Amino acid sequence: MNRTFISELEELVLLSVGVLYPEAYAYSIRLEIKAQVGKSLSLASVHTVLYRLEKDGLLSSELGGKSEKRGGRSKRLFSLTQHGEKTMQDIQNVRQAMWARIQST
């Protein structure tokens, strides 16, 4: 069985991209993680993880339209690749199988 193993932070970022698509960009991902987990991350940390996941083939990105609100700059929008979706499904399956094996006391 060939699985991709990722860190907890990478998993949170992948999940956030899935939740926020098609508006998944670094700042919105940062806010989503803060709202759901209570973990404050720097924007630089989020960018680092996003680019690593993209390099590993779990995410893809494209530039969105320019915005006056952002001083005429474009957002880099992220989406899950097929490999990213499969990795998330594998993670969910492993976790569910392990939770099912926990015996109540």
N, C-alpha and C. Protein backbone atom coordinates (compact mmCIF):
# COMPACT_ATOMS: atom_id res chain seq x y z
N MET A 1 0.85 -1.17 0.00
CA MET A 1 0.00 0.00 0.00
C MET A 1 0.90 1.24 0.00
N ASN A 2 0.71 2.11 -0.95
CA ASN A 2 1.55 3.30 -1.10
C ASN A 2 0.79 4.52 -0.59
N ARG A 3 1.14 4.99 0.62
CA ARG A 3 0.47 6.12 1.23
C ARG A 3 1.40 7.31 1.30
N THR A 4 0.80 8.49 1.27
CA THR A 4 1.54 9.71 1.51
C THR A 4 1.31 10.12 2.95
N PHE A 5 2.38 10.34 3.68
CA PHE A 5 2.26 10.75 5.08
C PHE A 5 2.57 12.23 5.17
N ILE A 6 1.71 12.95 5.89
CA ILE A 6 1.88 14.39 6.05
C ILE A 6 1.73 14.74 7.52
N SER A 7 2.20 15.93 7.88
CA SER A 7 2.11 16.39 9.26
C SER A 7 0.69 16.86 9.58
N GLU A 8 0.44 17.08 10.86
CA GLU A 8 -0.86 17.58 11.30
C GLU A 8 -1.15 18.95 10.68
N LEU A 9 -0.15 19.82 10.64
CA LEU A 9 -0.34 21.14 10.04
C LEU A 9 -0.65 21.03 8.55
N GLU A 10 0.06 20.16 7.87
CA GLU A 10 -0.21 19.95 6.44
C GLU A 10 -1.64 19.43 6.24
N GLU A 11 -2.07 18.54 7.12
CA GLU A 11 -3.43 18.03 7.04
C GLU A 11 -4.46 19.15 7.25
N LEU A 12 -4.22 20.01 8.22
CA LEU A 12 -5.13 21.13 8.47
C LEU A 12 -5.20 22.07 7.27
N VAL A 13 -4.06 22.31 6.65
CA VAL A 13 -4.04 23.17 5.47
C VAL A 13 -4.80 22.51 4.32
N LEU A 14 -4.57 21.21 4.08
CA LEU A 14 -5.29 20.50 3.02
C LEU A 14 -6.80 20.55 3.26
N LEU A 15 -7.21 20.27 4.49
CA LEU A 15 -8.63 20.31 4.82
C LEU A 15 -9.21 21.70 4.60
N SER A 16 -8.46 22.72 4.99
CA SER A 16 -8.93 24.10 4.81
C SER A 16 -9.08 24.45 3.34
N VAL A 17 -8.15 23.99 2.51
CA VAL A 17 -8.26 24.23 1.07
C VAL A 17 -9.55 23.59 0.55
N GLY A 18 -9.83 22.36 0.99
CA GLY A 18 -11.05 21.68 0.57
C GLY A 18 -12.30 22.42 1.02
N VAL A 19 -12.30 22.92 2.23
CA VAL A 19 -13.45 23.64 2.77
C VAL A 19 -13.65 24.98 2.07
N LEU A 20 -12.57 25.68 1.81
CA LEU A 20 -12.65 27.05 1.29
C LEU A 20 -12.71 27.16 -0.23
N TYR A 21 -12.45 26.07 -0.93
CA TYR A 21 -12.45 26.11 -2.40
C TYR A 21 -13.76 26.70 -2.90
N PRO A 22 -13.77 27.62 -3.82
CA PRO A 22 -12.70 28.09 -4.70
C PRO A 22 -11.97 29.34 -4.18
N GLU A 23 -12.22 29.70 -2.92
CA GLU A 23 -11.59 30.90 -2.36
C GLU A 23 -10.52 30.54 -1.32
N ALA A 24 -9.73 29.53 -1.63
CA ALA A 24 -8.69 29.09 -0.71
C ALA A 24 -7.38 29.80 -1.05
N TYR A 25 -7.04 30.78 -0.25
CA TYR A 25 -5.76 31.48 -0.39
C TYR A 25 -5.18 31.61 1.01
N ALA A 26 -3.93 31.96 1.12
CA ALA A 26 -3.20 31.87 2.39
C ALA A 26 -3.92 32.54 3.55
N TYR A 27 -4.40 33.75 3.36
CA TYR A 27 -5.04 34.47 4.47
C TYR A 27 -6.33 33.79 4.90
N SER A 28 -7.16 33.36 3.93
CA SER A 28 -8.42 32.70 4.30
C SER A 28 -8.15 31.35 4.98
N ILE A 29 -7.11 30.67 4.57
CA ILE A 29 -6.72 29.40 5.20
C ILE A 29 -6.28 29.65 6.64
N ARG A 30 -5.51 30.68 6.82
CA ARG A 30 -5.05 31.06 8.17
C ARG A 30 -6.25 31.32 9.08
N LEU A 31 -7.24 32.07 8.59
CA LEU A 31 -8.44 32.37 9.38
C LEU A 31 -9.25 31.11 9.67
N GLU A 32 -9.36 30.22 8.69
CA GLU A 32 -10.12 28.97 8.87
C GLU A 32 -9.49 28.10 9.95
N ILE A 33 -8.19 27.96 9.93
CA ILE A 33 -7.50 27.15 10.94
C ILE A 33 -7.68 27.78 12.32
N LYS A 34 -7.58 29.08 12.41
CA LYS A 34 -7.78 29.78 13.69
C LYS A 34 -9.21 29.54 14.20
N ALA A 35 -10.20 29.65 13.30
CA ALA A 35 -11.60 29.47 13.70
C ALA A 35 -11.91 28.03 14.12
N GLN A 36 -11.37 27.07 13.42
CA GLN A 36 -11.73 25.67 13.67
C GLN A 36 -10.88 25.01 14.76
N VAL A 37 -9.63 25.41 14.87
CA VAL A 37 -8.71 24.73 15.78
C VAL A 37 -8.22 25.63 16.90
N GLY A 38 -8.34 26.95 16.70
CA GLY A 38 -7.84 27.89 17.70
C GLY A 38 -6.34 28.08 17.64
N LYS A 39 -5.74 27.65 16.55
CA LYS A 39 -4.28 27.74 16.38
C LYS A 39 -3.95 28.96 15.52
N SER A 40 -3.16 29.87 16.08
CA SER A 40 -2.72 31.05 15.34
C SER A 40 -1.44 30.74 14.59
N LEU A 41 -1.48 30.96 13.29
CA LEU A 41 -0.31 30.73 12.46
C LEU A 41 0.10 32.02 11.78
N SER A 42 1.38 32.16 11.54
CA SER A 42 1.83 33.31 10.75
C SER A 42 1.49 33.05 9.30
N LEU A 43 1.31 34.11 8.55
CA LEU A 43 1.05 33.98 7.12
C LEU A 43 2.22 33.28 6.42
N ALA A 44 3.44 33.56 6.89
CA ALA A 44 4.62 32.91 6.31
C ALA A 44 4.58 31.40 6.51
N SER A 45 4.10 30.94 7.67
CA SER A 45 3.99 29.50 7.92
C SER A 45 2.99 28.86 6.98
N VAL A 46 1.86 29.53 6.78
CA VAL A 46 0.84 29.00 5.87
C VAL A 46 1.39 28.93 4.45
N HIS A 47 2.08 30.00 4.02
CA HIS A 47 2.67 30.00 2.68
C HIS A 47 3.67 28.85 2.52
N THR A 48 4.50 28.64 3.51
CA THR A 48 5.50 27.57 3.45
C THR A 48 4.83 26.22 3.25
N VAL A 49 3.78 25.95 4.02
CA VAL A 49 3.08 24.67 3.90
C VAL A 49 2.39 24.55 2.54
N LEU A 50 1.72 25.62 2.11
CA LEU A 50 1.04 25.60 0.82
C LEU A 50 2.00 25.27 -0.32
N TYR A 51 3.15 25.92 -0.34
CA TYR A 51 4.11 25.69 -1.43
C TYR A 51 4.72 24.30 -1.35
N ARG A 52 4.92 23.79 -0.12
CA ARG A 52 5.45 22.42 0.03
C ARG A 52 4.42 21.41 -0.48
N LEU A 53 3.14 21.60 -0.12
CA LEU A 53 2.09 20.68 -0.59
C LEU A 53 1.92 20.76 -2.10
N GLU A 54 2.10 21.95 -2.65
CA GLU A 54 2.02 22.09 -4.11
C GLU A 54 3.19 21.36 -4.77
N LYS A 55 4.37 21.54 -4.21
CA LYS A 55 5.57 20.87 -4.75
C LYS A 55 5.42 19.35 -4.70
N ASP A 56 4.74 18.85 -3.65
CA ASP A 56 4.54 17.42 -3.49
C ASP A 56 3.36 16.89 -4.31
N GLY A 57 2.68 17.77 -5.03
CA GLY A 57 1.60 17.34 -5.91
C GLY A 57 0.24 17.19 -5.26
N LEU A 58 0.09 17.67 -4.02
CA LEU A 58 -1.19 17.55 -3.32
C LEU A 58 -2.11 18.74 -3.59
N LEU A 59 -1.53 19.85 -3.98
CA LEU A 59 -2.27 21.07 -4.30
C LEU A 59 -1.81 21.61 -5.65
N SER A 60 -2.68 22.39 -6.26
CA SER A 60 -2.29 23.19 -7.43
C SER A 60 -2.76 24.62 -7.14
N SER A 61 -2.21 25.57 -7.88
CA SER A 61 -2.59 26.96 -7.63
C SER A 61 -2.63 27.74 -8.94
N GLU A 62 -3.34 28.86 -8.87
CA GLU A 62 -3.37 29.80 -9.98
C GLU A 62 -3.63 31.18 -9.40
N LEU A 63 -3.24 32.18 -10.16
CA LEU A 63 -3.48 33.54 -9.71
C LEU A 63 -4.92 33.94 -10.01
N GLY A 64 -5.58 34.54 -8.99
CA GLY A 64 -6.93 35.05 -9.17
C GLY A 64 -6.85 36.46 -9.73
N GLY A 65 -7.99 37.09 -9.84
CA GLY A 65 -8.05 38.45 -10.35
C GLY A 65 -7.42 39.45 -9.40
N LYS A 66 -7.01 40.57 -9.93
CA LYS A 66 -6.42 41.64 -9.12
C LYS A 66 -7.53 42.32 -8.34
N SER A 67 -7.16 42.85 -7.18
CA SER A 67 -8.14 43.46 -6.30
C SER A 67 -7.64 44.83 -5.82
N GLU A 68 -8.52 45.80 -5.86
CA GLU A 68 -8.19 47.14 -5.32
C GLU A 68 -7.90 47.03 -3.82
N LYS A 69 -8.66 46.18 -3.15
CA LYS A 69 -8.50 45.98 -1.72
C LYS A 69 -7.09 45.50 -1.38
N ARG A 70 -6.47 44.79 -2.31
CA ARG A 70 -5.12 44.25 -2.10
C ARG A 70 -4.06 45.09 -2.82
N GLY A 71 -4.41 46.33 -3.12
CA GLY A 71 -3.44 47.21 -3.78
C GLY A 71 -3.13 46.80 -5.20
N GLY A 72 -4.10 46.19 -5.88
CA GLY A 72 -3.90 45.77 -7.26
C GLY A 72 -3.21 44.44 -7.42
N ARG A 73 -2.92 43.77 -6.31
CA ARG A 73 -2.25 42.47 -6.38
C ARG A 73 -3.27 41.33 -6.52
N SER A 74 -2.82 40.24 -7.08
CA SER A 74 -3.66 39.05 -7.24
C SER A 74 -3.48 38.11 -6.06
N LYS A 75 -4.51 37.33 -5.77
CA LYS A 75 -4.42 36.26 -4.78
C LYS A 75 -3.97 35.00 -5.49
N ARG A 76 -3.19 34.19 -4.80
CA ARG A 76 -2.86 32.86 -5.31
C ARG A 76 -3.88 31.92 -4.71
N LEU A 77 -4.73 31.35 -5.56
CA LEU A 77 -5.81 30.47 -5.14
C LEU A 77 -5.38 29.01 -5.26
N PHE A 78 -5.65 28.23 -4.24
CA PHE A 78 -5.22 26.83 -4.19
C PHE A 78 -6.40 25.89 -4.30
N SER A 79 -6.15 24.73 -4.90
CA SER A 79 -7.15 23.68 -4.99
C SER A 79 -6.47 22.33 -4.80
N LEU A 80 -7.26 21.36 -4.40
CA LEU A 80 -6.75 20.01 -4.21
C LEU A 80 -6.55 19.34 -5.56
N THR A 81 -5.47 18.61 -5.67
CA THR A 81 -5.27 17.76 -6.85
C THR A 81 -5.92 16.41 -6.56
N GLN A 82 -5.93 15.55 -7.55
CA GLN A 82 -6.44 14.20 -7.35
C GLN A 82 -5.62 13.48 -6.28
N HIS A 83 -4.32 13.68 -6.31
CA HIS A 83 -3.43 13.08 -5.30
C HIS A 83 -3.75 13.63 -3.91
N GLY A 84 -4.04 14.93 -3.82
CA GLY A 84 -4.41 15.54 -2.55
C GLY A 84 -5.71 14.99 -2.01
N GLU A 85 -6.70 14.82 -2.88
CA GLU A 85 -7.99 14.25 -2.46
C GLU A 85 -7.81 12.81 -1.98
N LYS A 86 -6.99 12.03 -2.70
CA LYS A 86 -6.75 10.64 -2.31
C LYS A 86 -6.03 10.59 -0.96
N THR A 87 -5.07 11.47 -0.76
CA THR A 87 -4.34 11.50 0.50
C THR A 87 -5.28 11.83 1.65
N MET A 88 -6.17 12.81 1.46
CA MET A 88 -7.14 13.15 2.51
C MET A 88 -8.06 11.98 2.80
N GLN A 89 -8.49 11.26 1.77
CA GLN A 89 -9.36 10.10 1.97
C GLN A 89 -8.62 9.00 2.72
N ASP A 90 -7.36 8.77 2.37
CA ASP A 90 -6.55 7.77 3.08
C ASP A 90 -6.42 8.13 4.56
N ILE A 91 -6.16 9.39 4.85
CA ILE A 91 -6.02 9.84 6.24
C ILE A 91 -7.32 9.60 7.00
N GLN A 92 -8.44 9.96 6.38
CA GLN A 92 -9.74 9.76 7.03
C GLN A 92 -10.00 8.28 7.29
N ASN A 93 -9.70 7.43 6.32
CA ASN A 93 -9.92 5.98 6.48
C ASN A 93 -9.09 5.40 7.62
N VAL A 94 -7.82 5.79 7.68
CA VAL A 94 -6.94 5.28 8.74
C VAL A 94 -7.44 5.74 10.11
N ARG A 95 -7.80 7.01 10.21
CA ARG A 95 -8.28 7.52 11.50
C ARG A 95 -9.58 6.84 11.92
N GLN A 96 -10.51 6.67 10.99
CA GLN A 96 -11.77 6.01 11.33
C GLN A 96 -11.54 4.56 11.76
N ALA A 97 -10.64 3.86 11.07
CA ALA A 97 -10.35 2.48 11.43
C ALA A 97 -9.73 2.40 12.82
N MET A 98 -8.85 3.33 13.12
CA MET A 98 -8.21 3.31 14.45
C MET A 98 -9.20 3.70 15.54
N TRP A 99 -10.05 4.70 15.29
CA TRP A 99 -11.08 5.08 16.28
C TRP A 99 -12.01 3.90 16.55
N ALA A 100 -12.35 3.16 15.51
CA ALA A 100 -13.26 2.02 15.67
C ALA A 100 -12.65 0.91 16.53
N ARG A 101 -11.33 0.88 16.59
CA ARG A 101 -10.65 -0.17 17.36
C ARG A 101 -10.47 0.20 18.83
N ILE A 102 -10.73 1.45 19.19
CA ILE A 102 -10.60 1.86 20.58
C ILE A 102 -11.72 1.21 21.39
N GLN A 103 -11.33 0.54 22.45
CA GLN A 103 -12.33 -0.14 23.27
C GLN A 103 -12.78 0.78 24.39
N SER A 104 -14.08 0.83 24.58
CA SER A 104 -14.63 1.62 25.68
C SER A 104 -14.31 0.95 27.00
N THR A 105 -14.09 1.77 28.01
CA THR A 105 -13.79 1.19 29.33
C THR A 105 -14.95 1.32 30.25
